[in-house]
């Protein structure tokens, strides 16, 4: 099936890589900002019946989200029969419930806004909680965890064990560990009843004599990973490595991580960063085959 790949300003080259894999065409949107701050987009006219829009919603996420919504509406205006949206990083996914009275469910707002613009399917990469897609989307979707790519990158490390920084990330650690053929665990918090000191230790895994790979979906400030790394090294881990699918890297995150003793920090190209060393385009390609 021949289709058109539409690259928004936050495609990060993924649209072009996917178009190359499918031997299809790519168009880049025309974009400008009016003096009053409003956004303008325009898609070069084309006659294809199918379009794949690639748009990652990292900072400035509000601008990128608005750009995506305008692109989708423009495609509807061109009477495209089938529109598939690839969202490498889904913004607002961490606000997936009302933690406090009066709060919005932010991920619901984002997903509903995208769906109402006539999309046929949505593909995300390692969304914070996949249940959000199931709950708030009424169109087919697929959430990719780039297990094969991550395992291949870290296969060079000997005696490696995989560690999730909390129980919520355990499924990710499990998948990567199984691909590497090794053990996995998650960290639990312990508070000293006398001193009040908080420590985090693995539930079952022994650090001593092993290299540790900490995995998570998002590296934001890096605080959680830094704490996990220090715990591993204090308990005689050989070296500590860190992987996060989305490298947001705010408030000096990289300095914090390397200061904690981490040997290498690695991420994917869902968000542009100095540590984006793993491409997710082959996993996205396999996902797209389900919908094209």
Protein backbone atom coordinates (compact mmCIF):
# COMPACT_ATOMS: atom_id res chain seq x y z
CA UNK A 1 0.00 0.00 0.00
CA UNK A 2 1.40 3.38 -1.04
CA UNK A 3 0.96 6.21 1.42
CA UNK A 4 2.40 9.57 2.32
CA UNK A 5 4.50 10.23 5.42
CA UNK A 6 3.87 13.68 6.88
CA UNK A 7 6.74 15.10 8.95
CA UNK A 8 5.81 17.72 11.51
CA UNK A 9 8.51 19.95 12.99
CA UNK A 10 9.00 17.44 15.82
CA UNK A 11 9.37 14.32 13.67
CA UNK A 12 13.11 14.17 14.47
CA UNK A 13 13.83 12.37 11.20
CA UNK A 14 11.54 9.45 12.04
CA UNK A 15 9.12 10.27 9.22
CA UNK A 16 11.96 10.14 6.70
CA UNK A 17 13.35 6.90 8.12
CA UNK A 18 9.90 5.29 7.95
CA UNK A 19 9.28 6.55 4.42
CA UNK A 20 12.60 5.00 3.40
CA UNK A 21 11.64 1.66 4.98
CA UNK A 22 8.35 1.60 3.07
CA UNK A 23 9.82 3.14 -0.09
CA UNK A 24 7.12 5.82 0.08
CA UNK A 25 7.02 9.61 -0.16
CA UNK A 26 7.47 12.17 2.56
CA UNK A 27 6.26 15.75 2.82
CA UNK A 28 7.31 18.36 5.36
CA UNK A 29 4.67 20.80 6.45
CA UNK A 30 4.94 24.54 6.02
CA UNK A 31 4.83 26.20 9.43
CA UNK A 32 4.99 29.75 10.70
CA UNK A 33 3.97 31.75 13.75
CA UNK A 34 1.97 34.94 13.37
CA UNK A 35 3.05 38.11 15.25
CA UNK A 36 0.31 37.46 17.82
CA UNK A 37 1.70 34.00 18.55
CA UNK A 38 -0.87 31.94 16.66
CA UNK A 39 0.33 28.97 14.63
CA UNK A 40 -0.13 28.44 10.88
CA UNK A 41 0.48 25.18 9.02
CA UNK A 42 0.01 24.11 5.42
CA UNK A 43 0.44 20.71 3.78
CA UNK A 44 1.51 20.54 0.12
CA UNK A 45 -1.42 19.09 -1.87
CA UNK A 46 -1.17 15.38 -2.70
CA UNK A 47 -3.42 12.65 -4.05
CA UNK A 48 -2.58 9.69 -1.83
CA UNK A 49 -5.46 8.06 0.06
CA UNK A 50 -3.41 7.24 3.15
CA UNK A 51 -1.25 9.40 5.39
CA UNK A 52 1.05 8.65 8.32
CA UNK A 53 1.70 11.68 10.52
CA UNK A 54 4.79 11.57 12.74
CA UNK A 55 4.75 14.07 15.60
CA UNK A 56 6.54 13.83 18.95
CA UNK A 57 4.99 15.95 21.69
CA UNK A 58 8.02 17.00 23.69
CA UNK A 59 8.81 20.56 24.83
CA UNK A 60 7.37 22.97 23.75
CA UNK A 61 4.61 20.39 24.00
CA UNK A 62 1.72 22.82 23.75
CA UNK A 63 2.99 24.17 20.45
CA UNK A 64 3.72 20.69 19.10
CA UNK A 65 0.28 19.45 20.13
CA UNK A 66 -1.45 22.37 18.45
CA UNK A 67 0.65 21.81 15.33
CA UNK A 68 -0.41 18.16 15.24
CA UNK A 69 -4.10 19.02 15.63
CA UNK A 70 -3.92 21.58 12.81
CA UNK A 71 -2.14 19.08 10.55
CA UNK A 72 -4.83 16.47 11.21
CA UNK A 73 -7.60 18.93 10.41
CA UNK A 74 -5.80 19.93 7.22
CA UNK A 75 -5.55 16.28 6.15
CA UNK A 76 -9.27 15.88 6.74
CA UNK A 77 -9.78 18.88 4.49
CA UNK A 78 -7.84 17.04 1.78
CA UNK A 79 -10.29 14.11 2.15
CA UNK A 80 -7.63 11.60 3.17
CA UNK A 81 -9.32 8.23 3.66
CA UNK A 82 -7.03 6.89 6.37
CA UNK A 83 -4.84 8.83 8.80
CA UNK A 84 -2.46 7.05 11.15
CA UNK A 85 -0.72 9.12 13.83
CA UNK A 86 2.67 8.12 15.21
CA UNK A 87 3.39 9.89 18.51
CA UNK A 88 6.89 8.90 19.65
CA UNK A 89 6.53 10.84 22.91
CA UNK A 90 3.04 11.47 24.27
CA UNK A 91 2.94 14.61 26.41
CA UNK A 92 0.70 14.87 29.50
CA UNK A 93 0.61 11.07 29.86
CA UNK A 94 1.68 11.18 33.52
CA UNK A 95 -1.52 13.01 34.53
CA UNK A 96 -3.67 9.94 33.86
CA UNK A 97 -6.13 10.34 36.74
CA UNK A 98 -7.46 12.97 39.14
CA UNK A 99 -4.82 12.87 41.87
CA UNK A 100 -6.48 15.83 43.62
CA UNK A 101 -10.04 17.14 43.47
CA UNK A 102 -10.45 19.70 40.72
CA UNK A 103 -7.65 18.36 38.52
CA UNK A 104 -8.15 17.39 34.85
CA UNK A 105 -7.23 14.03 33.37
CA UNK A 106 -4.72 15.62 31.01
CA UNK A 107 -3.94 12.54 28.91
CA UNK A 108 -7.69 12.17 28.22
CA UNK A 109 -7.80 15.72 26.84
CA UNK A 110 -4.81 15.07 24.55
CA UNK A 111 -6.00 11.70 23.22
CA UNK A 112 -9.60 12.84 22.75
CA UNK A 113 -8.46 15.92 20.84
CA UNK A 114 -6.36 13.80 18.51
CA UNK A 115 -9.09 11.20 17.95
CA UNK A 116 -11.78 13.75 17.17
CA UNK A 117 -9.72 14.94 14.22
CA UNK A 118 -10.50 11.82 12.23
CA UNK A 119 -7.56 9.52 12.90
CA UNK A 120 -7.87 5.84 12.04
CA UNK A 121 -5.16 4.55 14.40
CA UNK A 122 -2.65 5.82 16.94
CA UNK A 123 0.87 4.48 17.55
CA UNK A 124 2.80 5.53 20.64
CA UNK A 125 6.23 4.59 21.98
CA UNK A 126 6.48 3.46 25.60
CA UNK A 127 3.63 5.60 26.89
CA UNK A 128 3.70 6.16 30.64
CA UNK A 129 0.66 3.93 31.24
CA UNK A 130 -0.72 1.90 28.35
CA UNK A 131 -4.08 1.63 30.13
CA UNK A 132 -4.61 5.31 29.26
CA UNK A 133 -4.80 4.41 25.57
CA UNK A 134 -7.28 1.64 26.24
CA UNK A 135 -9.45 3.90 28.39
CA UNK A 136 -9.49 7.07 26.31
CA UNK A 137 -9.13 5.95 22.68
CA UNK A 138 -11.93 4.46 20.60
CA UNK A 139 -9.74 3.82 17.56
CA UNK A 140 -7.16 1.04 17.16
CA UNK A 141 -3.83 1.76 18.84
CA UNK A 142 -0.46 0.19 19.47
CA UNK A 143 2.09 1.07 22.14
CA UNK A 144 5.65 0.07 21.35
CA UNK A 145 8.39 -0.71 23.83
CA UNK A 146 11.61 -0.92 21.77
CA UNK A 147 12.83 -4.02 23.58
CA UNK A 148 14.87 -5.49 20.73
CA UNK A 149 16.77 -2.26 20.08
CA UNK A 150 17.52 -1.62 23.75
CA UNK A 151 18.66 -5.19 24.36
CA UNK A 152 20.90 -5.09 21.30
CA UNK A 153 22.55 -1.88 22.48
CA UNK A 154 23.31 -3.20 25.96
CA UNK A 155 24.15 -6.79 24.98
CA UNK A 156 27.85 -5.87 25.10
CA UNK A 157 27.69 -5.59 28.93
CA UNK A 158 28.61 -8.78 30.76
CA UNK A 159 26.99 -9.97 34.00
CA UNK A 160 24.20 -7.43 33.63
CA UNK A 161 21.01 -7.41 35.68
CA UNK A 162 18.04 -5.17 34.89
CA UNK A 163 16.48 -2.93 37.49
CA UNK A 164 13.26 -0.92 37.48
CA UNK A 165 13.29 2.16 39.75
CA UNK A 166 9.82 1.26 41.05
CA UNK A 167 7.18 -1.44 40.72
CA UNK A 168 5.32 0.54 38.04
CA UNK A 169 8.25 0.14 35.65
CA UNK A 170 8.68 -3.58 36.33
CA UNK A 171 7.00 -4.72 33.09
CA UNK A 172 9.57 -2.76 31.08
CA UNK A 173 12.46 -4.24 33.03
CA UNK A 174 11.00 -7.73 32.58
CA UNK A 175 10.78 -7.43 28.79
CA UNK A 176 14.31 -6.10 28.40
CA UNK A 177 15.76 -8.63 30.85
CA UNK A 178 14.08 -11.52 29.05
CA UNK A 179 15.54 -10.30 25.75
CA UNK A 180 18.98 -10.13 27.37
CA UNK A 181 18.50 -13.51 29.05
CA UNK A 182 19.10 -12.19 32.55
CA UNK A 183 17.39 -11.40 35.86
CA UNK A 184 15.34 -8.34 36.75
CA UNK A 185 13.94 -6.65 39.82
CA UNK A 186 12.49 -3.40 41.11
CA UNK A 187 13.40 -1.09 43.97
CA UNK A 188 11.49 -0.72 47.22
CA UNK A 189 11.79 2.10 49.75
CA UNK A 190 12.85 1.39 53.31
CA UNK A 191 12.84 3.96 56.14
CA UNK A 192 15.11 3.56 59.16
CA UNK A 193 12.77 3.82 62.17
CA UNK A 194 15.51 5.37 64.30
CA UNK A 195 17.27 7.81 61.96
CA UNK A 196 14.39 8.35 59.51
CA UNK A 197 16.82 7.79 56.62
CA UNK A 198 15.19 6.54 53.42
CA UNK A 199 17.01 3.86 51.42
CA UNK A 200 15.95 2.04 48.29
CA UNK A 201 16.93 -1.58 47.79
CA UNK A 202 15.96 -4.29 45.31
CA UNK A 203 13.27 -6.70 46.39
CA UNK A 204 15.25 -9.83 45.48
CA UNK A 205 18.22 -9.03 43.24
CA UNK A 206 21.82 -9.08 44.49
CA UNK A 207 23.92 -6.17 43.24
CA UNK A 208 27.30 -7.53 44.31
CA UNK A 209 29.49 -8.63 41.39
CA UNK A 210 26.95 -7.53 38.75
CA UNK A 211 26.59 -4.67 36.33
CA UNK A 212 23.20 -3.00 36.73
CA UNK A 213 21.03 -1.56 33.97
CA UNK A 214 18.33 0.79 35.30
CA UNK A 215 15.41 1.19 32.88
CA UNK A 216 12.49 3.61 32.89
CA UNK A 217 10.17 5.31 30.42
CA UNK A 218 11.08 8.96 31.11
CA UNK A 219 14.25 10.67 32.29
CA UNK A 220 13.05 14.05 33.55
CA UNK A 221 15.13 15.48 36.41
CA UNK A 222 16.97 12.18 36.81
CA UNK A 223 16.40 12.15 40.57
CA UNK A 224 14.93 8.66 40.77
CA UNK A 225 17.61 7.11 38.59
CA UNK A 226 20.38 8.87 40.50
CA UNK A 227 19.04 7.49 43.79
CA UNK A 228 18.80 4.01 42.29
CA UNK A 229 22.35 4.23 40.95
CA UNK A 230 23.78 5.28 44.30
CA UNK A 231 21.96 2.41 46.01
CA UNK A 232 23.38 -0.10 43.52
CA UNK A 233 26.95 1.18 43.84
CA UNK A 234 26.76 1.36 47.64
CA UNK A 235 25.75 -2.30 47.56
CA UNK A 236 28.79 -3.33 45.51
CA UNK A 237 27.47 -3.24 41.93
CA UNK A 238 30.37 -3.23 39.46
CA UNK A 239 29.02 -0.50 37.18
CA UNK A 240 25.63 1.12 36.64
CA UNK A 241 24.08 1.98 33.28
CA UNK A 242 20.81 3.82 32.71
CA UNK A 243 18.23 3.74 29.94
CA UNK A 244 15.14 5.90 29.57
CA UNK A 245 13.00 5.81 26.44
CA UNK A 246 12.25 9.55 26.53
CA UNK A 247 15.09 11.89 27.53
CA UNK A 248 13.39 15.09 28.66
CA UNK A 249 16.49 16.00 30.70
CA UNK A 250 15.35 19.00 32.74
CA UNK A 251 17.04 20.80 35.64
CA UNK A 252 20.53 19.46 35.02
CA UNK A 253 19.48 15.83 34.78
CA UNK A 254 22.59 14.54 33.03
CA UNK A 255 24.95 16.14 35.54
CA UNK A 256 22.89 14.60 38.34
CA UNK A 257 23.05 11.14 36.75
CA UNK A 258 26.76 11.13 36.02
CA UNK A 259 27.49 12.61 39.45
CA UNK A 260 25.64 9.62 40.93
CA UNK A 261 28.25 7.35 39.31
CA UNK A 262 26.35 6.10 36.26
CA UNK A 263 28.71 4.87 33.56
CA UNK A 264 26.48 5.63 30.57
CA UNK A 265 23.01 7.11 30.08
CA UNK A 266 21.17 6.16 26.88
CA UNK A 267 17.84 7.09 25.32
CA UNK A 268 15.95 6.84 22.02
CA UNK A 269 15.23 9.36 19.29
CA UNK A 270 11.63 9.92 20.43
CA UNK A 271 13.02 13.14 21.92
CA UNK A 272 16.14 14.88 20.62
CA UNK A 273 18.91 14.83 23.22
CA UNK A 274 22.67 14.28 23.58
CA UNK A 275 22.00 10.69 24.67
CA UNK A 276 19.53 9.69 21.93
CA UNK A 277 21.55 6.75 20.60
CA UNK A 278 18.78 4.24 19.82
CA UNK A 279 16.34 4.64 16.94
CA UNK A 280 12.79 3.32 17.28
CA UNK A 281 11.93 3.45 13.58
CA UNK A 282 12.16 -0.30 12.96
CA UNK A 283 9.75 -1.06 15.81
CA UNK A 284 7.39 1.63 14.51
CA UNK A 285 7.65 0.09 11.04
CA UNK A 286 6.46 -3.29 12.35
CA UNK A 287 3.60 -1.58 14.17
CA UNK A 288 2.53 0.33 11.06
CA UNK A 289 2.23 -2.92 9.11
CA UNK A 290 -0.75 -3.78 11.31
CA UNK A 291 -2.67 -0.72 10.12
CA UNK A 292 -1.58 -0.18 6.51
